[in-house]
Amino acid sequence: MNDQYGHPVGDQVLVDFAAMVQSSLRISDTLTRWGGEEFVVLCPNTTLSTAAMLGERLREKIAKADFPLVKSIAVSIGVAECGSGETWDDWLKRADAALYRAKSGGRNQVQIAPETPKRVGAGENVAAGFVQLSWRSAYESGSTVIDDQHRGLFGAANMLLNAILSGRSSDEVATLIDVLIRDVVQHFQEEEAIITAARFPGATAHAAIHRQLVDRAAVLVGRFNAGTLAIGELFQFLAHDVVVRHMLGADREFFPYLITAVKGGDNEHTIPHRPGL
């Protein structure tokens, strides 16, 4: 597209495309640009058939849409269901394999990933359907402090998941929940200081999102401790909404304002960087 119409047109089409996809997703779903013209949609607690139906609806909607600058576009979609204990890398590789089949098969189609893992039985722990978080270079923000803390949150979420799946005592699980929330609060505070220093215009609004997430976490932990909330539901919020969805969504708005600065001693200074320069 860029070769035919130029980068400005290509960029605008991607913006319009992303807006169209986002408007078709559920509140719990997350849309992330993966690079170039590729996007990833995360659909938590969703069956493979439901995800495939969503993919087909998106394909059909985009095929019928009128894009003012290029008239029409077509998409190729790969769908993969995450298996219990499957890493992000393996999961995304299977989705990417399905995407490649859709492209090589003529485009404008949805393909389901091969070797789809067996689903967890309905009576098993809800958390067993969640995937271990795996850090990727695509998640880097431009600040080593923020990236190190994001990796740490991935690790804390994985420790909590392992404790749940291995049947550790309620006291141990509760301790790991407290550790994860403590790390989240500390990270939010330091992140707010960094993006404010970087003159990110949405810093105040971003801090408000942090407060909402922390307040919601406190409510859910209270319900869990009172026995009125399942551990799987609490884990979904802490690992998916607070860590993954926030990092791959709201956090990416300030990434263009950050560059990794020279690190001296124990201190790092983040230099503001205007997007597009």
C-alpha atoms as a PDB file:
ATOM      1  CA  MET A   1       0.000   0.000   0.000  1.00  0.00           C
ATOM      2  CA  ASN A   2       2.800   2.412   0.894  1.00  0.00           C
ATOM      3  CA  ASP A   3       4.560   1.675  -2.411  1.00  0.00           C
ATOM      4  CA  GLN A   4       1.394   2.448  -4.383  1.00  0.00           C
ATOM      5  CA  TYR A   5      -0.117   5.357  -2.436  1.00  0.00           C
ATOM      6  CA  GLY A   6       2.739   6.653  -0.270  1.00  0.00           C
ATOM      7  CA  HIS A   7       3.295   6.519   3.495  1.00  0.00           C
ATOM      8  CA  PRO A   8       0.870   9.329   4.499  1.00  0.00           C
ATOM      9  CA  VAL A   9      -2.021   7.533   2.791  1.00  0.00           C
ATOM     10  CA  GLY A  10      -0.923   4.184   4.186  1.00  0.00           C
ATOM     11  CA  ASP A  11      -0.753   5.601   7.715  1.00  0.00           C
ATOM     12  CA  GLN A  12      -4.229   7.117   7.454  1.00  0.00           C
ATOM     13  CA  VAL A  13      -5.686   3.845   6.197  1.00  0.00           C
ATOM     14  CA  LEU A  14      -4.173   2.065   9.192  1.00  0.00           C
ATOM     15  CA  VAL A  15      -5.729   4.629  11.526  1.00  0.00           C
ATOM     16  CA  ASP A  16      -9.145   4.183   9.909  1.00  0.00           C
ATOM     17  CA  PHE A  17      -8.753   0.408   9.910  1.00  0.00           C
ATOM     18  CA  ALA A  18      -7.815   0.310  13.608  1.00  0.00           C
ATOM     19  CA  ALA A  19     -10.790   2.496  14.520  1.00  0.00           C
ATOM     20  CA  MET A  20     -13.127   0.192  12.589  1.00  0.00           C
ATOM     21  CA  VAL A  21     -11.773  -2.923  14.298  1.00  0.00           C
ATOM     22  CA  GLN A  22     -11.842  -1.330  17.749  1.00  0.00           C
ATOM     23  CA  SER A  23     -15.490  -0.341  17.328  1.00  0.00           C
ATOM     24  CA  SER A  24     -16.363  -3.988  16.650  1.00  0.00           C
ATOM     25  CA  LEU A  25     -14.688  -5.449  19.753  1.00  0.00           C
ATOM     26  CA  ARG A  26     -16.063  -6.172  23.200  1.00  0.00           C
ATOM     27  CA  ILE A  27     -14.979  -4.142  26.219  1.00  0.00           C
ATOM     28  CA  SER A  28     -12.798  -7.028  27.410  1.00  0.00           C
ATOM     29  CA  ASP A  29     -10.974  -7.367  24.065  1.00  0.00           C
ATOM     30  CA  THR A  30      -7.706  -5.596  23.310  1.00  0.00           C
ATOM     31  CA  LEU A  31      -6.413  -4.328  19.965  1.00  0.00           C
ATOM     32  CA  THR A  32      -2.659  -3.807  19.541  1.00  0.00           C
ATOM     33  CA  ARG A  33      -0.585  -2.873  16.507  1.00  0.00           C
ATOM     34  CA  TRP A  34       2.071  -5.552  16.199  1.00  0.00           C
ATOM     35  CA  GLY A  35       4.196  -3.875  13.544  1.00  0.00           C
ATOM     36  CA  GLY A  36       3.773  -2.716   9.972  1.00  0.00           C
ATOM     37  CA  GLU A  37       0.282  -3.685   8.858  1.00  0.00           C
ATOM     38  CA  GLU A  38      -0.209  -6.453  11.437  1.00  0.00           C
ATOM     39  CA  PHE A  39      -2.473  -6.185  14.490  1.00  0.00           C
ATOM     40  CA  VAL A  40      -3.240  -8.511  17.399  1.00  0.00           C
ATOM     41  CA  VAL A  41      -6.647  -8.838  19.074  1.00  0.00           C
ATOM     42  CA  LEU A  42      -6.671 -10.507  22.510  1.00  0.00           C
ATOM     43  CA  CYS A  43     -10.013 -12.040  23.516  1.00  0.00           C
ATOM     44  CA  PRO A  44      -9.876 -13.317  27.120  1.00  0.00           C
ATOM     45  CA  ASN A  45     -12.044 -16.265  28.178  1.00  0.00           C
ATOM     46  CA  THR A  46     -13.261 -16.835  24.627  1.00  0.00           C
ATOM     47  CA  THR A  47     -13.738 -20.147  22.842  1.00  0.00           C
ATOM     48  CA  LEU A  48     -11.985 -20.807  19.563  1.00  0.00           C
ATOM     49  CA  SER A  49     -15.275 -20.913  17.660  1.00  0.00           C
ATOM     50  CA  THR A  50     -16.345 -17.546  19.086  1.00  0.00           C
ATOM     51  CA  ALA A  51     -12.995 -15.976  18.214  1.00  0.00           C
ATOM     52  CA  ALA A  52     -13.254 -17.380  14.683  1.00  0.00           C
ATOM     53  CA  MET A  53     -16.753 -15.912  14.335  1.00  0.00           C
ATOM     54  CA  LEU A  54     -15.417 -12.539  15.471  1.00  0.00           C
ATOM     55  CA  GLY A  55     -12.637 -12.815  12.897  1.00  0.00           C
ATOM     56  CA  GLU A  56     -15.124 -13.562  10.140  1.00  0.00           C
ATOM     57  CA  ARG A  57     -17.316 -10.602  11.147  1.00  0.00           C
ATOM     58  CA  LEU A  58     -14.289  -8.319  11.064  1.00  0.00           C
ATOM     59  CA  ARG A  59     -13.206  -9.666   7.674  1.00  0.00           C
ATOM     60  CA  GLU A  60     -16.660  -9.138   6.193  1.00  0.00           C
ATOM     61  CA  LYS A  61     -17.075  -5.663   7.706  1.00  0.00           C
ATOM     62  CA  ILE A  62     -13.712  -4.470   6.392  1.00  0.00           C
ATOM     63  CA  ALA A  63     -14.272  -5.999   2.949  1.00  0.00           C
ATOM     64  CA  LYS A  64     -17.531  -4.021   2.615  1.00  0.00           C
ATOM     65  CA  ALA A  65     -16.153  -0.761   4.050  1.00  0.00           C
ATOM     66  CA  ASP A  66     -15.311   2.269   1.946  1.00  0.00           C
ATOM     67  CA  PHE A  67     -11.889   3.724   2.739  1.00  0.00           C
ATOM     68  CA  PRO A  68     -11.887   7.210   1.163  1.00  0.00           C
ATOM     69  CA  LEU A  69      -8.229   7.252   0.177  1.00  0.00           C
ATOM     70  CA  VAL A  70      -7.966   3.751  -1.328  1.00  0.00           C
ATOM     71  CA  LYS A  71     -11.650   2.744  -1.729  1.00  0.00           C
ATOM     72  CA  SER A  72     -11.306  -0.769  -0.321  1.00  0.00           C
ATOM     73  CA  ILE A  73      -8.913  -3.129   1.460  1.00  0.00           C
ATOM     74  CA  ALA A  74      -8.944  -6.800   2.390  1.00  0.00           C
ATOM     75  CA  VAL A  75      -7.592  -8.467   5.504  1.00  0.00           C
ATOM     76  CA  SER A  76      -6.148 -11.874   6.276  1.00  0.00           C
ATOM     77  CA  ILE A  77      -6.859 -13.219   9.772  1.00  0.00           C
ATOM     78  CA  GLY A  78      -5.304 -16.037  11.792  1.00  0.00           C
ATOM     79  CA  VAL A  79      -7.049 -17.317  14.926  1.00  0.00           C
ATOM     80  CA  ALA A  80      -5.413 -19.303  17.736  1.00  0.00           C
ATOM     81  CA  GLU A  81      -6.697 -20.415  21.123  1.00  0.00           C
ATOM     82  CA  CYS A  82      -4.266 -20.314  24.034  1.00  0.00           C
ATOM     83  CA  GLY A  83      -3.633 -23.640  25.704  1.00  0.00           C
ATOM     84  CA  SER A  84      -3.039 -24.231  29.398  1.00  0.00           C
ATOM     85  CA  GLY A  85       0.637 -23.539  30.143  1.00  0.00           C
ATOM     86  CA  GLU A  86       1.352 -22.355  26.598  1.00  0.00           C
ATOM     87  CA  THR A  87       3.803 -19.468  26.313  1.00  0.00           C
ATOM     88  CA  TRP A  88       2.964 -16.264  24.470  1.00  0.00           C
ATOM     89  CA  ASP A  89       5.651 -17.035  21.912  1.00  0.00           C
ATOM     90  CA  ASP A  90       4.171 -20.436  21.056  1.00  0.00           C
ATOM     91  CA  TRP A  91       0.639 -19.060  21.014  1.00  0.00           C
ATOM     92  CA  LEU A  92       1.551 -16.182  18.695  1.00  0.00           C
ATOM     93  CA  LYS A  93       3.570 -18.477  16.438  1.00  0.00           C
ATOM     94  CA  ARG A  94       0.483 -20.637  15.900  1.00  0.00           C
ATOM     95  CA  ALA A  95      -1.636 -17.560  15.214  1.00  0.00           C
ATOM     96  CA  ASP A  96       1.018 -16.283  12.814  1.00  0.00           C
ATOM     97  CA  ALA A  97       1.054 -19.654  11.013  1.00  0.00           C
ATOM     98  CA  ALA A  98      -2.703 -19.367  10.511  1.00  0.00           C
ATOM     99  CA  LEU A  99      -2.275 -15.786   9.279  1.00  0.00           C
ATOM    100  CA  TYR A 100       0.339 -16.926   6.753  1.00  0.00           C
ATOM    101  CA  ARG A 101      -2.051 -19.587   5.467  1.00  0.00           C
ATOM    102  CA  ALA A 102      -4.731 -16.940   5.012  1.00  0.00           C
ATOM    103  CA  LYS A 103      -2.325 -14.719   3.062  1.00  0.00           C
ATOM    104  CA  SER A 104      -0.898 -17.499   0.900  1.00  0.00           C
ATOM    105  CA  GLY A 105      -4.379 -18.894   0.274  1.00  0.00           C
ATOM    106  CA  GLY A 106      -5.540 -15.761  -1.515  1.00  0.00           C
ATOM    107  CA  ARG A 107      -6.093 -13.262   1.336  1.00  0.00           C
ATOM    108  CA  ASN A 108      -9.451 -11.900   2.499  1.00  0.00           C
ATOM    109  CA  GLN A 109     -10.109 -14.984   4.632  1.00  0.00           C
ATOM    110  CA  VAL A 110      -9.922 -16.369   8.178  1.00  0.00           C
ATOM    111  CA  GLN A 111      -7.778 -19.388   9.014  1.00  0.00           C
ATOM    112  CA  ILE A 112      -7.705 -21.271  12.333  1.00  0.00           C
ATOM    113  CA  ALA A 113      -4.331 -22.208  13.785  1.00  0.00           C
ATOM    114  CA  PRO A 114      -3.219 -25.844  13.494  1.00  0.00           C
ATOM    115  CA  GLU A 115      -2.731 -28.060  16.525  1.00  0.00           C
ATOM    116  CA  THR A 116      -5.173 -26.150  18.682  1.00  0.00           C
ATOM    117  CA  PRO A 117      -4.687 -27.212  22.318  1.00  0.00           C
ATOM    118  CA  LYS A 118      -7.400 -29.050  24.188  1.00  0.00           C
ATOM    119  CA  ARG A 119      -9.619 -26.721  26.223  1.00  0.00           C
ATOM    120  CA  VAL A 120      -9.805 -26.901  29.981  1.00  0.00           C
ATOM    121  CA  GLY A 121     -12.872 -28.745  31.250  1.00  0.00           C
ATOM    122  CA  ALA A 122     -15.769 -26.622  32.442  1.00  0.00           C
ATOM    123  CA  GLY A 123     -15.393 -27.790  36.041  1.00  0.00           C
ATOM    124  CA  GLU A 124     -11.695 -26.997  36.360  1.00  0.00           C
ATOM    125  CA  ASN A 125     -10.147 -23.885  37.844  1.00  0.00           C
ATOM    126  CA  VAL A 126     -10.882 -20.812  35.705  1.00  0.00           C
ATOM    127  CA  ALA A 127      -7.254 -19.690  35.979  1.00  0.00           C
ATOM    128  CA  ALA A 128      -6.092 -22.848  34.210  1.00  0.00           C
ATOM    129  CA  GLY A 129      -7.144 -21.298  30.915  1.00  0.00           C
ATOM    130  CA  PHE A 130      -4.695 -18.422  31.237  1.00  0.00           C
ATOM    131  CA  VAL A 131      -1.315 -18.252  29.590  1.00  0.00           C
ATOM    132  CA  GLN A 132       2.082 -17.612  31.111  1.00  0.00           C
ATOM    133  CA  LEU A 133       3.147 -14.062  30.303  1.00  0.00           C
ATOM    134  CA  SER A 134       6.206 -13.886  28.076  1.00  0.00           C
ATOM    135  CA  TRP A 135       8.128 -10.652  27.505  1.00  0.00           C
ATOM    136  CA  ARG A 136       8.817  -9.538  23.926  1.00  0.00           C
ATOM    137  CA  SER A 137      10.993  -6.733  22.576  1.00  0.00           C
ATOM    138  CA  ALA A 138       7.865  -5.272  20.926  1.00  0.00           C
ATOM    139  CA  TYR A 139       6.655  -4.293  24.408  1.00  0.00           C
ATOM    140  CA  GLU A 140       9.612  -1.964  25.080  1.00  0.00           C
ATOM    141  CA  SER A 141       8.663   1.638  25.826  1.00  0.00           C
ATOM    142  CA  GLY A 142      11.947   3.518  25.418  1.00  0.00           C
ATOM    143  CA  SER A 143      12.564   3.759  29.185  1.00  0.00           C
ATOM    144  CA  THR A 144      14.673   1.061  30.816  1.00  0.00           C
ATOM    145  CA  VAL A 145      13.043   1.794  34.184  1.00  0.00           C
ATOM    146  CA  ILE A 146       9.530   1.237  32.851  1.00  0.00           C
ATOM    147  CA  ASP A 147      10.558  -1.816  30.826  1.00  0.00           C
ATOM    148  CA  ASP A 148      12.305  -3.424  33.812  1.00  0.00           C
ATOM    149  CA  GLN A 149       9.217  -2.867  35.932  1.00  0.00           C
ATOM    150  CA  HIS A 150       6.914  -4.235  33.234  1.00  0.00           C
ATOM    151  CA  ARG A 151       9.063  -7.381  33.057  1.00  0.00           C
ATOM    152  CA  GLY A 152       8.871  -7.614  36.837  1.00  0.00           C
ATOM    153  CA  LEU A 153       5.077  -7.434  36.733  1.00  0.00           C
ATOM    154  CA  PHE A 154       5.047 -10.229  34.152  1.00  0.00           C
ATOM    155  CA  GLY A 155       7.140 -12.316  36.534  1.00  0.00           C
ATOM    156  CA  ALA A 156       4.917 -11.563  39.540  1.00  0.00           C
ATOM    157  CA  ALA A 157       1.787 -12.483  37.545  1.00  0.00           C
ATOM    158  CA  ASN A 158       3.408 -15.752  36.431  1.00  0.00           C
ATOM    159  CA  MET A 159       4.348 -16.620  40.025  1.00  0.00           C
ATOM    160  CA  LEU A 160       0.745 -16.056  41.082  1.00  0.00           C
ATOM    161  CA  LEU A 161      -0.572 -18.224  38.238  1.00  0.00           C
ATOM    162  CA  ASN A 162       1.879 -21.022  39.080  1.00  0.00           C
ATOM    163  CA  ALA A 163       0.796 -20.912  42.722  1.00  0.00           C
ATOM    164  CA  ILE A 164      -2.869 -21.157  41.740  1.00  0.00           C
ATOM    165  CA  LEU A 165      -2.345 -24.034  39.298  1.00  0.00           C
ATOM    166  CA  SER A 166      -0.123 -26.001  41.675  1.00  0.00           C
ATOM    167  CA  GLY A 167      -2.669 -25.821  44.488  1.00  0.00           C
ATOM    168  CA  ARG A 168      -0.557 -23.780  46.890  1.00  0.00           C
ATOM    169  CA  SER A 169      -2.127 -22.768  50.210  1.00  0.00           C
ATOM    170  CA  SER A 170      -4.536 -19.836  50.380  1.00  0.00           C
ATOM    171  CA  ASP A 171      -2.045 -17.938  52.542  1.00  0.00           C
ATOM    172  CA  GLU A 172       0.684 -18.291  49.893  1.00  0.00           C
ATOM    173  CA  VAL A 173      -1.685 -17.203  47.123  1.00  0.00           C
ATOM    174  CA  ALA A 174      -2.813 -14.221  49.196  1.00  0.00           C
ATOM    175  CA  THR A 175       0.812 -13.203  49.769  1.00  0.00           C
ATOM    176  CA  LEU A 176       1.565 -13.317  46.045  1.00  0.00           C
ATOM    177  CA  ILE A 177      -1.553 -11.242  45.338  1.00  0.00           C
ATOM    178  CA  ASP A 178      -0.315  -8.628  47.825  1.00  0.00           C
ATOM    179  CA  VAL A 179       3.151  -8.643  46.207  1.00  0.00           C
ATOM    180  CA  LEU A 180       1.708  -8.157  42.713  1.00  0.00           C
ATOM    181  CA  ILE A 181      -0.521  -5.279  43.810  1.00  0.00           C
ATOM    182  CA  ARG A 182       2.319  -3.646  45.759  1.00  0.00           C
ATOM    183  CA  ASP A 183       4.566  -3.843  42.684  1.00  0.00           C
ATOM    184  CA  VAL A 184       1.781  -2.418  40.494  1.00  0.00           C
ATOM    185  CA  VAL A 185       1.257   0.565  42.807  1.00  0.00           C
ATOM    186  CA  GLN A 186       4.984   1.300  42.975  1.00  0.00           C
ATOM    187  CA  HIS A 187       5.293   0.978  39.195  1.00  0.00           C
ATOM    188  CA  PHE A 188       2.366   3.316  38.597  1.00  0.00           C
ATOM    189  CA  GLN A 189       3.922   5.969  40.834  1.00  0.00           C
ATOM    190  CA  GLU A 190       7.318   5.815  39.129  1.00  0.00           C
ATOM    191  CA  GLU A 191       5.780   5.660  35.656  1.00  0.00           C
ATOM    192  CA  GLU A 192       3.728   8.775  36.356  1.00  0.00           C
ATOM    193  CA  ALA A 193       6.873  10.658  37.375  1.00  0.00           C
ATOM    194  CA  ILE A 194       8.677   9.569  34.200  1.00  0.00           C
ATOM    195  CA  ILE A 195       5.914  10.465  31.742  1.00  0.00           C
ATOM    196  CA  THR A 196       5.343  13.794  33.490  1.00  0.00           C
ATOM    197  CA  ALA A 197       9.039  14.615  33.143  1.00  0.00           C
ATOM    198  CA  ALA A 198       8.809  13.588  29.485  1.00  0.00           C
ATOM    199  CA  ARG A 199       5.994  16.128  29.033  1.00  0.00           C
ATOM    200  CA  PHE A 200       3.486  13.555  27.885  1.00  0.00           C
ATOM    201  CA  PRO A 201       0.282  15.644  27.451  1.00  0.00           C
ATOM    202  CA  GLY A 202      -1.920  12.815  28.714  1.00  0.00           C
ATOM    203  CA  ALA A 203       0.016  12.292  31.971  1.00  0.00           C
ATOM    204  CA  THR A 204      -2.804  13.494  34.229  1.00  0.00           C
ATOM    205  CA  ALA A 205      -5.419  11.359  32.482  1.00  0.00           C
ATOM    206  CA  HIS A 206      -3.049   8.381  32.584  1.00  0.00           C
ATOM    207  CA  ALA A 207      -2.614   8.793  36.342  1.00  0.00           C
ATOM    208  CA  ALA A 208      -6.405   8.777  36.685  1.00  0.00           C
ATOM    209  CA  ILE A 209      -6.526   5.424  34.875  1.00  0.00           C
ATOM    210  CA  HIS A 210      -3.954   4.114  37.352  1.00  0.00           C
ATOM    211  CA  ARG A 211      -6.124   5.173  40.293  1.00  0.00           C
ATOM    212  CA  GLN A 212      -9.163   3.482  38.780  1.00  0.00           C
ATOM    213  CA  LEU A 213      -7.254   0.213  38.296  1.00  0.00           C
ATOM    214  CA  VAL A 214      -5.866   0.263  41.843  1.00  0.00           C
ATOM    215  CA  ASP A 215      -9.266   1.078  43.333  1.00  0.00           C
ATOM    216  CA  ARG A 216     -10.893  -1.719  41.352  1.00  0.00           C
ATOM    217  CA  ALA A 217      -8.157  -4.139  42.434  1.00  0.00           C
ATOM    218  CA  ALA A 218      -8.823  -3.267  46.090  1.00  0.00           C
ATOM    219  CA  VAL A 219     -12.546  -3.978  45.661  1.00  0.00           C
ATOM    220  CA  LEU A 220     -11.924  -7.332  43.963  1.00  0.00           C
ATOM    221  CA  VAL A 221      -9.335  -8.417  46.532  1.00  0.00           C
ATOM    222  CA  GLY A 222     -11.846  -7.589  49.259  1.00  0.00           C
ATOM    223  CA  ARG A 223     -14.453  -9.752  47.535  1.00  0.00           C
ATOM    224  CA  PHE A 224     -11.920 -12.567  47.104  1.00  0.00           C
ATOM    225  CA  ASN A 225     -10.958 -12.456  50.782  1.00  0.00           C
ATOM    226  CA  ALA A 226     -14.650 -12.509  51.683  1.00  0.00           C
ATOM    227  CA  GLY A 227     -15.175 -15.623  49.562  1.00  0.00           C
ATOM    228  CA  THR A 228     -17.515 -13.970  47.038  1.00  0.00           C
ATOM    229  CA  LEU A 229     -15.072 -13.865  44.078  1.00  0.00           C
ATOM    230  CA  ALA A 230     -13.281 -16.788  42.416  1.00  0.00           C
ATOM    231  CA  ILE A 231      -9.504 -16.668  42.189  1.00  0.00           C
ATOM    232  CA  GLY A 232      -9.712 -17.034  38.401  1.00  0.00           C
ATOM    233  CA  GLU A 233     -11.723 -13.834  38.080  1.00  0.00           C
ATOM    234  CA  LEU A 234      -9.306 -11.951  40.322  1.00  0.00           C
ATOM    235  CA  PHE A 235      -6.327 -13.271  38.368  1.00  0.00           C
ATOM    236  CA  GLN A 236      -7.942 -12.234  35.083  1.00  0.00           C
ATOM    237  CA  PHE A 237      -8.259  -8.653  36.291  1.00  0.00           C
ATOM    238  CA  LEU A 238      -4.780  -8.408  37.826  1.00  0.00           C
ATOM    239  CA  ALA A 239      -2.862 -10.146  35.033  1.00  0.00           C
ATOM    240  CA  HIS A 240      -4.938  -9.232  31.981  1.00  0.00           C
ATOM    241  CA  ASP A 241      -6.538  -5.861  32.730  1.00  0.00           C
ATOM    242  CA  VAL A 242      -3.939  -4.297  35.039  1.00  0.00           C
ATOM    243  CA  VAL A 243      -0.743  -5.710  33.538  1.00  0.00           C
ATOM    244  CA  VAL A 244      -1.229  -6.819  29.915  1.00  0.00           C
ATOM    245  CA  ARG A 245      -4.171  -4.801  28.634  1.00  0.00           C
ATOM    246  CA  HIS A 246      -3.028  -1.558  30.255  1.00  0.00           C
ATOM    247  CA  MET A 247       0.550  -1.991  29.048  1.00  0.00           C
ATOM    248  CA  LEU A 248      -0.415  -2.887  25.479  1.00  0.00           C
ATOM    249  CA  GLY A 249      -3.135  -0.261  25.357  1.00  0.00           C
ATOM    250  CA  ALA A 250      -3.014   2.951  27.401  1.00  0.00           C
ATOM    251  CA  ASP A 251       0.730   2.789  28.027  1.00  0.00           C
ATOM    252  CA  ARG A 252       1.546   2.818  24.321  1.00  0.00           C
ATOM    253  CA  GLU A 253       0.169   6.332  24.037  1.00  0.00           C
ATOM    254  CA  PHE A 254       3.217   7.735  25.832  1.00  0.00           C
ATOM    255  CA  PHE A 255       5.866   5.481  24.230  1.00  0.00           C
ATOM    256  CA  PRO A 256       6.667   7.996  21.442  1.00  0.00           C
ATOM    257  CA  TYR A 257       7.560  10.601  24.080  1.00  0.00           C
ATOM    258  CA  LEU A 258      10.255   8.441  25.636  1.00  0.00           C
ATOM    259  CA  ILE A 259      13.734   7.485  24.567  1.00  0.00           C
ATOM    260  CA  THR A 260      16.207   5.534  26.600  1.00  0.00           C
ATOM    261  CA  ALA A 261      18.648   7.994  28.119  1.00  0.00           C
ATOM    262  CA  VAL A 262      22.191   7.462  29.263  1.00  0.00           C
ATOM    263  CA  LYS A 263      22.132   5.592  32.550  1.00  0.00           C
ATOM    264  CA  GLY A 264      24.593   6.729  35.199  1.00  0.00           C
ATOM    265  CA  GLY A 265      24.920   5.016  38.580  1.00  0.00           C
ATOM    266  CA  ASP A 266      21.498   4.048  39.862  1.00  0.00           C
ATOM    267  CA  ASN A 267      19.636   6.887  38.210  1.00  0.00           C
ATOM    268  CA  GLU A 268      18.056   7.123  34.778  1.00  0.00           C
ATOM    269  CA  HIS A 269      16.848  10.322  33.184  1.00  0.00           C
ATOM    270  CA  THR A 270      14.218  10.110  30.490  1.00  0.00           C
ATOM    271  CA  ILE A 271      14.494  12.683  27.711  1.00  0.00           C
ATOM    272  CA  PRO A 272      11.253  13.905  26.109  1.00  0.00           C
ATOM    273  CA  HIS A 273      10.873  13.022  22.445  1.00  0.00           C
ATOM    274  CA  ARG A 274       8.179  14.453  20.200  1.00  0.00           C
ATOM    275  CA  PRO A 275       6.358  11.886  18.044  1.00  0.00           C
ATOM    276  CA  GLY A 276       7.266  12.079  14.390  1.00  0.00           C
ATOM    277  CA  LEU A 277      10.630  13.739  14.935  1.00  0.00           C
END
